[in-house]
Structures are given as structure tokens and as C-alpha cells.
Protein backbone atom coordinates (compact mmCIF):
# COMPACT_ATOMS: atom_id res chain seq x y z
CA MET A 1 -22.34 -11.69 -12.24
CA SER A 2 -20.10 -9.31 -14.19
CA PHE A 3 -23.12 -8.44 -16.37
CA LEU A 4 -25.26 -7.64 -13.34
CA PHE A 5 -22.50 -5.68 -11.60
CA PRO A 6 -20.07 -3.98 -14.02
CA ARG A 7 -16.62 -3.19 -12.70
CA PRO A 8 -16.98 -0.19 -10.34
CA ILE A 9 -15.45 3.19 -11.12
CA THR A 10 -12.61 3.53 -8.64
CA ARG A 11 -10.45 6.25 -10.22
CA ILE A 12 -11.54 9.83 -10.96
CA THR A 13 -9.59 12.60 -12.68
CA VAL A 14 -9.50 15.97 -10.93
CA GLU A 15 -8.54 19.55 -11.71
CA PRO A 16 -7.10 20.75 -8.41
CA ARG A 17 -7.23 24.39 -7.41
CA ILE A 18 -4.22 26.69 -7.39
CA ALA A 19 -2.41 26.54 -4.06
CA ALA A 20 -3.19 29.42 -1.72
CA ALA A 21 -0.17 31.56 -0.85
CA ASN A 22 -0.60 30.87 2.87
CA ARG A 23 -1.51 27.20 2.68
CA GLN A 24 0.02 25.04 5.39
CA GLY A 25 -0.28 21.89 7.44
CA ILE A 26 -1.93 18.54 6.94
CA ALA A 27 -5.62 17.62 6.75
CA ILE A 28 -7.14 14.15 6.93
CA ILE A 29 -9.92 13.16 4.54
CA LEU A 30 -12.09 10.41 6.03
CA ILE A 31 -15.26 8.65 4.92
CA VAL A 32 -16.95 6.93 7.82
CA LYS A 33 -20.09 5.13 8.95
CA ASN A 34 -20.99 4.05 12.49
CA GLU A 35 -17.56 4.15 14.16
CA ALA A 36 -18.54 5.93 17.38
CA ARG A 37 -16.83 3.36 19.61
CA HIS A 38 -13.29 4.10 18.36
CA ILE A 39 -13.46 7.36 16.39
CA GLY A 40 -12.73 9.57 19.40
CA GLU A 41 -9.37 7.91 20.11
CA TRP A 42 -8.48 8.07 16.41
CA ALA A 43 -9.32 11.79 16.17
CA ARG A 44 -7.54 12.75 19.40
CA PHE A 45 -4.42 10.82 18.40
CA HIS A 46 -4.13 12.56 15.04
CA HIS A 47 -4.85 15.97 16.52
CA LEU A 48 -2.01 15.37 18.98
CA ALA A 49 0.13 14.35 16.00
CA GLY A 50 -0.39 17.76 14.41
CA VAL A 51 -3.26 17.29 11.97
CA ARG A 52 -4.66 20.75 11.32
CA HIS A 53 -8.13 19.81 10.06
CA PHE A 54 -10.42 16.80 9.60
CA PHE A 55 -12.81 16.63 6.64
CA VAL A 56 -15.18 13.81 7.55
CA TYR A 57 -17.61 12.48 4.95
CA ASP A 58 -20.39 10.83 6.94
CA ASN A 59 -21.89 7.89 5.05
CA GLY A 60 -25.17 7.78 6.95
CA SER A 61 -23.99 7.12 10.52
CA SER A 62 -26.78 6.30 12.97
CA ASP A 63 -24.69 5.79 16.13
CA GLY A 64 -23.63 9.38 16.83
CA THR A 65 -20.23 9.22 15.11
CA PRO A 66 -20.26 12.94 14.14
CA ASP A 67 -21.16 13.93 17.71
CA VAL A 68 -18.22 11.94 19.10
CA LEU A 69 -15.92 13.68 16.63
CA ARG A 70 -17.22 17.11 17.65
CA ALA A 71 -16.62 16.28 21.30
CA SER A 72 -13.10 14.98 20.58
CA LEU A 73 -11.74 17.89 18.52
CA PRO A 74 -11.42 21.62 19.20
CA ASP A 75 -13.70 24.14 17.52
CA GLY A 76 -12.65 24.86 13.96
CA ALA A 77 -10.77 21.60 13.43
CA LEU A 78 -13.65 19.56 11.97
CA THR A 79 -15.87 19.73 8.91
CA VAL A 80 -18.59 17.06 8.57
CA ILE A 81 -20.09 16.55 5.10
CA PRO A 82 -23.21 14.34 4.64
CA TRP A 83 -22.18 11.66 2.13
CA SER A 84 -24.75 8.85 2.16
CA GLN A 85 -25.29 7.87 -1.46
CA ARG A 86 -24.89 5.18 -4.10
CA LEU A 87 -24.24 6.65 -7.53
CA THR A 88 -23.87 4.81 -10.83
CA ASP A 89 -22.75 5.72 -14.31
CA ALA A 90 -25.89 6.27 -16.41
CA ILE A 91 -24.53 4.42 -19.46
CA ARG A 92 -22.65 1.41 -18.07
CA ARG A 93 -24.55 1.23 -14.77
CA ALA A 94 -21.20 0.91 -13.03
CA GLU A 95 -21.17 1.96 -9.39
CA ILE A 96 -19.02 5.03 -8.66
CA HIS A 97 -16.97 4.32 -5.55
CA ASN A 98 -18.34 6.63 -2.85
CA GLN A 99 -14.99 6.90 -1.09
CA VAL A 100 -13.24 8.04 -4.27
CA LEU A 101 -16.01 10.59 -4.83
CA ALA A 102 -15.30 11.99 -1.37
CA TYR A 103 -11.60 12.29 -2.11
CA ALA A 104 -12.26 14.06 -5.41
CA HIS A 105 -14.67 16.47 -3.69
CA ALA A 106 -12.10 17.27 -1.00
CA VAL A 107 -9.33 17.94 -3.53
CA GLN A 108 -11.56 20.24 -5.57
CA ASN A 109 -13.07 22.17 -2.68
CA TYR A 110 -10.50 22.25 0.12
CA GLY A 111 -7.16 21.32 -1.42
CA SER A 112 -5.86 24.83 -1.97
CA GLN A 113 -5.70 25.48 1.79
CA PHE A 114 -3.30 22.67 2.77
CA ARG A 115 0.20 21.47 1.92
CA TRP A 116 -0.75 17.86 2.58
CA PHE A 117 -3.84 15.66 2.50
CA ALA A 118 -3.89 12.20 4.08
CA THR A 119 -6.57 9.77 2.91
CA ILE A 120 -6.87 7.11 5.61
CA ASP A 121 -9.64 5.21 7.37
CA CYS A 122 -10.48 5.30 11.06
CA ASP A 123 -8.79 1.93 11.64
CA GLU A 124 -5.52 3.44 10.38
CA PHE A 125 -3.14 5.57 12.45
CA LEU A 126 -0.31 7.71 11.06
CA VAL A 127 2.44 7.45 13.68
CA PRO A 128 5.49 9.76 13.62
CA ALA A 129 8.26 7.30 14.38
CA GLN A 130 10.93 9.78 15.53
CA THR A 131 9.53 13.32 15.53
CA THR A 132 6.88 14.82 17.78
CA ASN A 133 4.41 15.53 14.97
CA LEU A 134 3.55 14.65 11.39
CA THR A 135 4.45 18.07 10.00
CA ALA A 136 8.03 17.71 11.20
CA ALA A 137 8.22 14.20 9.76
CA LEU A 138 6.97 15.48 6.40
CA ASP A 139 9.56 18.26 6.17
CA ALA A 140 11.96 15.76 4.61
CA PHE A 141 9.54 15.31 1.69
CA ASP A 142 8.82 18.97 0.93
CA GLY A 143 9.37 18.71 -2.82
CA GLN A 144 7.23 15.61 -3.34
CA ALA A 145 3.67 15.38 -4.67
CA VAL A 146 2.60 11.89 -3.54
CA LEU A 147 3.92 9.79 -0.66
CA THR A 148 2.95 6.15 -0.13
CA LEU A 149 2.88 4.28 3.18
CA HIS A 150 2.64 0.51 3.52
CA TRP A 151 0.22 -1.09 5.94
CA HIS A 152 1.50 -2.50 9.22
CA ASN A 153 -1.41 -4.85 9.91
CA PHE A 154 -2.59 -5.71 13.41
CA GLY A 155 -4.95 -8.63 14.07
CA ARG A 156 -7.19 -9.61 16.96
CA CYS A 157 -4.30 -9.95 19.45
CA GLY A 158 -6.19 -12.59 21.43
CA HIS A 159 -9.30 -10.47 22.03
CA ASP A 160 -12.54 -12.36 21.43
CA GLU A 161 -14.78 -9.62 22.85
CA ILE A 162 -14.19 -5.86 22.73
CA PRO A 163 -11.68 -5.04 25.50
CA GLN A 164 -11.82 -2.09 27.85
CA GLY A 165 -9.61 0.83 26.90
CA GLY A 166 -8.37 2.00 23.53
CA VAL A 167 -7.08 0.45 20.34
CA ILE A 168 -3.47 1.56 20.79
CA GLU A 169 -3.04 -0.01 24.23
CA ASN A 170 -4.91 -3.26 23.45
CA TYR A 171 -3.52 -4.15 20.03
CA ARG A 172 0.27 -4.48 20.12
CA ARG A 173 1.03 -7.40 17.82
CA ARG A 174 1.20 -7.05 14.08
CA GLU A 175 2.11 -9.03 11.01
CA ARG A 176 5.89 -9.41 10.97
CA GLU A 177 6.41 -8.04 7.47
CA PRO A 178 4.47 -4.99 6.24
CA LEU A 179 2.44 -5.75 3.14
CA LYS A 180 4.08 -4.84 -0.13
CA PRO A 181 1.79 -3.02 -2.55
CA SER A 182 0.16 -5.01 -5.35
CA LYS A 183 -1.62 -3.19 -8.17
CA HIS A 184 -1.74 -0.05 -6.03
CA GLN A 185 -3.45 -1.83 -3.14
CA ARG A 186 -2.34 -2.28 0.48
CA MET A 187 -1.02 1.25 0.81
CA LYS A 188 -2.35 4.68 1.62
CA CYS A 189 -1.22 8.13 0.58
CA ILE A 190 -0.19 11.50 1.92
CA PHE A 191 -0.16 13.92 -0.99
CA ASP A 192 -0.14 17.50 -2.20
CA PRO A 193 -3.80 18.14 -3.13
CA CYS A 194 -2.72 20.79 -5.64
CA ALA A 195 -0.39 18.44 -7.51
CA VAL A 196 -2.49 15.40 -8.42
CA SER A 197 -4.39 14.61 -11.60
CA ALA A 198 -6.42 11.59 -10.42
CA VAL A 199 -7.60 10.05 -7.16
CA SER A 200 -8.42 6.50 -6.09
CA VAL A 201 -8.83 4.70 -2.77
CA HIS A 202 -5.19 3.65 -2.43
CA LEU A 203 -3.07 5.75 -4.77
CA MET A 204 -3.12 9.32 -6.05
CA THR A 205 -1.62 10.17 -9.45
CA PRO A 206 0.90 13.06 -9.52
CA ARG A 207 -0.14 15.77 -11.95
CA ASP A 208 3.15 15.77 -13.86
CA GLY A 209 3.30 11.98 -14.12
CA ALA A 210 6.10 11.66 -11.57
CA GLN A 211 6.39 8.54 -9.46
CA ALA A 212 5.10 8.43 -5.90
CA GLN A 213 7.77 8.21 -3.20
CA GLN A 214 7.59 5.60 -0.49
CA VAL A 215 7.82 6.78 3.13
CA ARG A 216 9.87 4.50 5.33
CA ALA A 217 8.30 3.33 8.57
CA ASP A 218 11.15 4.89 10.53
CA ALA A 219 9.74 8.28 9.45
CA ILE A 220 5.96 7.67 9.54
CA GLN A 221 4.45 4.27 10.27
CA LEU A 222 0.96 3.43 9.05
CA ASN A 223 -0.70 1.21 11.66
CA HIS A 224 -3.71 -0.65 10.26
CA TYR A 225 -5.88 -2.21 12.96
CA TYR A 226 -7.46 -4.57 10.48
CA THR A 227 -9.74 -6.59 12.72
CA ARG A 228 -9.61 -5.33 16.31
CA SER A 229 -11.53 -7.93 18.40
CA ASN A 230 -13.12 -11.07 16.97
CA ALA A 231 -16.57 -9.66 17.79
CA GLU A 232 -15.78 -6.60 15.67
CA LEU A 233 -14.37 -8.78 12.89
CA GLN A 234 -17.61 -10.74 12.73
CA ALA A 235 -19.60 -7.51 12.56
CA LYS A 236 -17.33 -6.32 9.74
CA LEU A 237 -17.97 -9.51 7.79
CA ALA A 238 -21.72 -9.18 8.30
CA ARG A 239 -21.71 -5.63 6.90
CA GLY A 240 -20.19 -6.79 3.64
CA PRO A 241 -17.93 -4.81 1.27
CA ASN A 242 -18.20 -1.12 0.46
CA VAL A 243 -18.89 -1.86 -3.21
CA LYS A 244 -21.81 -4.11 -4.16
CA SER A 245 -20.05 -5.80 -7.08
CA ARG A 246 -17.37 -7.20 -4.74
CA ALA A 247 -19.74 -9.03 -2.38
CA GLY A 248 -19.25 -12.52 -3.83
CA ASN A 249 -16.04 -13.59 -2.09
CA HIS A 250 -15.87 -10.90 0.59
CA ILE A 251 -15.76 -13.23 3.61
CA ARG A 252 -13.15 -15.56 2.08
CA ARG A 253 -10.98 -12.59 1.09
CA VAL A 254 -11.09 -11.01 4.57
CA MET A 255 -10.43 -14.26 6.40
CA ARG A 256 -7.45 -15.08 4.19
CA ARG A 257 -6.01 -11.71 5.13
CA VAL A 258 -6.69 -12.28 8.85
CA GLU A 259 -4.99 -15.68 8.74
CA ALA A 260 -1.96 -14.18 7.01
CA ILE A 261 -1.72 -11.36 9.57
CA GLU A 262 -1.97 -13.64 12.58
CA SER A 263 0.24 -16.49 11.32
CA ASP A 264 3.51 -14.70 12.14
CA THR A 265 3.42 -11.66 14.45
CA VAL A 266 5.78 -9.40 16.35
CA GLU A 267 5.19 -6.93 19.16
CA ASP A 268 4.94 -3.35 17.92
CA ARG A 269 4.92 -0.46 20.41
CA THR A 270 5.52 2.34 17.91
CA ALA A 271 2.26 4.15 18.72
CA LEU A 272 2.69 3.68 22.47
CA ASP A 273 6.27 4.94 22.28
CA TYR A 274 5.07 7.99 20.37
CA LEU A 275 2.56 8.84 23.09
CA LYS A 276 5.27 8.33 25.70
CA ARG A 277 7.45 10.92 23.92
CA LEU A 278 4.55 13.35 24.23
CA ASP A 279 4.07 12.38 27.90
CA VAL A 280 0.54 11.20 27.12
CA SER A 281 -0.90 8.01 28.60
CA PRO A 282 -3.50 5.83 26.86
CA PRO A 283 -6.40 5.55 26.61
CA LEU A 284 -6.73 8.88 24.84
């Protein structure tokens, strides 16, 4: 199997642009495919939280995902880039991870305009735990290049079918202990796009070799709605992994994670409490 599918390329070096003198704010870099059902809530939440721009790499959506995004965000806040492709190294025939390619493209082409990039998926929500927006929460980290956030994983929360309403109001129980990172997995990053030398799915490498700094959940909490309903979990399993070479034990790997998440849970209202501080009621 390793001969047929060489280890994929999941880390790419970059030469970021020089920071613009007037750069400011935070942008989210997202690669997405067929997430029309939930993408509107995700986009509206992060716009409320102070995200200045959304660079969305559309991996061949056929369900109107880009149209939902356009309807959910104000003019000028969204850039959609077609990104449906499978590329391989011509010598080793190793697949180049399409998500990492998107991140490298964003750093090279848009990074100079923003103080921060966040590379998250549409089942992940960046929740300011005490402030009214992400920019204010990030002020405490002004001198840093790369910030890491640990997943707070939410399971099915008793929903077999897709419930009415939004993700935030329907999924309120999470794994008791946030996952600790292992080999740079199980975390996501907020980073200075002009201060990194390499990008990957889960961890960006600071340009000067400095260590990434962990962000405590009492500043910004990363909610990861890993499964949503059981119906959506089964659809996720049927789609298979993002990288072909990892298909062999995909279902076993996902179900082990689901069992771990749901074996010991606590109620978590961090996202709901944030909306309450803004005097906003779900669903968004």
C-alpha cells in the first residue's frame, strides 16, 4: 500500500511577502466542499467576532456553498477561489495536500494585508472567551508569530438526525479534557502570515525558528464540532479522508475519536455566552 500511495506532501515552505504598512485585522483561510447547510452560521458568527475577510478555497462544491457565503457576508468581506484539484509530485508520485496548497497560496498572495491569519475548518469556531471580538483577544499576543489553539471537541450530543436550528444552540456537550497536541496534530493556528517559513494543516513554522505560543481557552476557545448529528457523521465516513493514501483505516480512526469524545463529556456554553454578551440570539 505504501508503494501504491507514497506518503503525501503535507508541509510546504513559503516566502511570505513584506508586511504592508497599513495591514490590520484577522482573515480566515478556509478550504471547503459542500457545506451549505452550516456554512452560513459559521460565517456570520466569525464576522460578528471581528474577522475582517474570508478567503474561501472552494474544492468543487455542488450544493451552493459559495452562494450561501455570499448571502451571509457583507460586500467586500469574501473572496472565493476555485480550488478543485488533485496534484502529485512528478518524481515520487506523492499527493500534495490540497489544503496545504491553499494555505501556501493565501500566505503568498494575501498575507501582506493582514496582521493575523486563522486556518480553520467550517466545523471549527474561534470563540472569544472574555472580549467582544477576536482582535481584542489577540492584542495580548501582539509580538508573536504563531499561536496554537487546542481542540475542544463536541460529539453528537444525542442527535441522530439533523436537528432544527444551528450548531451552536444544538451542540453543547464536549469532551471533558481538550485534546493535547501530538506530532503537531489536534490543534489549529492563528499566525502572522508575514512571519512564517512553512505551512501545514495543523501547524505553521515561525520564520525565525521561534516556538509557537499556546493560547489558553480563557482567551480564545477553539470549538470543534467533530461529528454534529449521527446522520452527518455517517455521511462524513462515506466521503472518506481528504488524502487518498489515508483511506485504509479512516472509519476506524474516526470512530475511535468519536468514542473518546463521547465517553466523558461536560456542558460547554462558551459560544452561547459569547453571543449573549453581544445581545445576539441563536440561530444566527
